[in-house]
Protein backbone atom coordinates (compact mmCIF):
# COMPACT_ATOMS: atom_id res chain seq x y z
CA MET A 1 95.87 103.28 121.81
CA ARG A 2 95.29 99.59 122.54
CA TYR A 3 98.23 97.35 122.46
CA TYR A 4 98.78 93.66 122.76
CA ASP A 5 100.89 92.61 126.06
CA LYS A 6 102.80 89.45 125.32
CA THR A 7 103.24 88.72 129.09
CA LEU A 8 99.57 88.85 129.87
CA LYS A 9 98.82 87.37 126.23
CA GLU A 10 95.76 89.75 125.91
CA ALA A 11 95.06 93.29 124.54
CA VAL A 12 95.31 96.18 126.94
CA THR A 13 93.67 99.50 127.02
CA PRO A 14 96.00 102.03 128.82
CA LEU A 15 94.67 104.60 131.23
CA ASP A 16 96.92 107.18 130.01
CA ASN A 17 97.96 108.34 126.32
CA ASN A 18 100.68 105.88 125.17
CA GLY A 19 101.36 106.81 121.74
CA TYR A 20 102.01 109.62 119.22
CA THR A 21 100.95 110.07 115.72
CA PHE A 22 103.40 111.44 113.13
CA GLU A 23 101.73 112.48 109.88
CA LEU A 24 102.13 115.24 107.32
CA PHE A 25 100.12 116.16 104.41
CA THR A 26 101.17 117.37 101.07
CA TYR A 27 100.06 121.10 102.14
CA ASP A 28 102.23 120.82 105.03
CA ALA A 29 105.42 121.06 102.96
CA PHE A 30 104.28 124.13 100.99
CA PRO A 31 106.09 126.64 103.45
CA MET A 32 109.38 124.60 103.06
CA ALA A 33 109.45 124.78 99.42
CA ARG A 34 111.56 127.29 97.48
CA PRO A 35 109.51 129.82 95.82
CA GLU A 36 111.32 129.42 92.41
CA SER A 37 110.46 125.69 92.54
CA PHE A 38 107.03 125.77 93.83
CA GLY A 39 103.90 125.18 91.81
CA LEU A 40 100.28 124.05 91.92
CA LEU A 41 98.25 121.88 89.76
CA GLU A 42 94.58 122.20 89.49
CA ILE A 43 93.10 118.68 88.83
CA ARG A 44 89.74 117.05 88.62
CA ARG A 45 89.43 115.20 91.95
CA GLU A 46 87.61 112.20 90.36
CA GLU A 47 90.57 111.68 88.12
CA GLU A 48 93.44 112.21 90.36
CA TYR A 49 92.64 112.14 94.12
CA ALA A 50 91.10 109.30 96.05
CA PRO A 51 92.39 109.41 99.47
CA ILE A 52 92.24 106.73 102.05
CA THR A 53 92.27 108.24 105.53
CA GLN A 54 89.35 106.00 107.20
CA ALA A 55 88.93 102.34 107.87
CA SER A 56 86.36 100.19 106.18
CA GLY A 57 83.11 100.88 107.35
CA ALA A 58 83.44 104.73 107.44
CA ILE A 59 81.25 106.98 105.11
CA ASP A 60 84.09 108.32 102.83
CA GLU A 61 87.74 108.11 102.17
CA THR A 62 87.93 104.54 102.75
CA PRO A 63 89.66 101.62 100.74
CA GLU A 64 86.36 100.75 99.14
CA THR A 65 85.48 104.30 98.15
CA ALA A 66 89.21 104.78 96.49
CA ARG A 67 88.65 101.30 94.85
CA GLN A 68 85.21 102.58 93.42
CA ALA A 69 86.78 105.83 92.06
CA LEU A 70 89.61 104.04 90.41
CA SER A 71 87.23 101.49 88.77
CA LEU A 72 84.96 104.26 87.61
CA LEU A 73 87.84 106.24 86.18
CA HIS A 74 88.89 103.09 84.30
CA GLN A 75 85.54 102.62 83.08
CA ARG A 76 85.32 106.05 81.76
CA TRP A 77 88.73 105.58 79.96
CA LEU A 78 87.25 102.36 78.44
CA GLU A 79 84.08 104.25 77.27
CA SER A 80 86.07 107.05 75.73
CA ARG A 81 87.36 104.32 73.37
CA GLY A 82 84.01 102.77 72.56
CA VAL A 83 83.71 100.19 75.14
CA ALA A 84 80.01 99.97 76.32
CA PHE A 85 78.83 98.93 79.71
CA GLU A 86 75.36 97.60 80.74
CA SER A 87 75.27 99.86 83.74
CA LYS A 88 77.38 102.09 86.03
């Protein structure tokens, strides 16, 4: 992973691995849950889930696709209350 070296005053690309990624997803916690308190919900993805796992410019799961999904959800809410839009 590139980093900024304040002594050299420039970005440096190391020759060896210089970092670690620590991340977990929701499903990584399933084995740790007590069975009596564990449950799953079935949801409509377009209403409940818009992950951001990629940087802008990627094809999917970017800040832009999440923003678009949220905007479309809010538009559907307004349409269900009678608000009309010219186009989607």
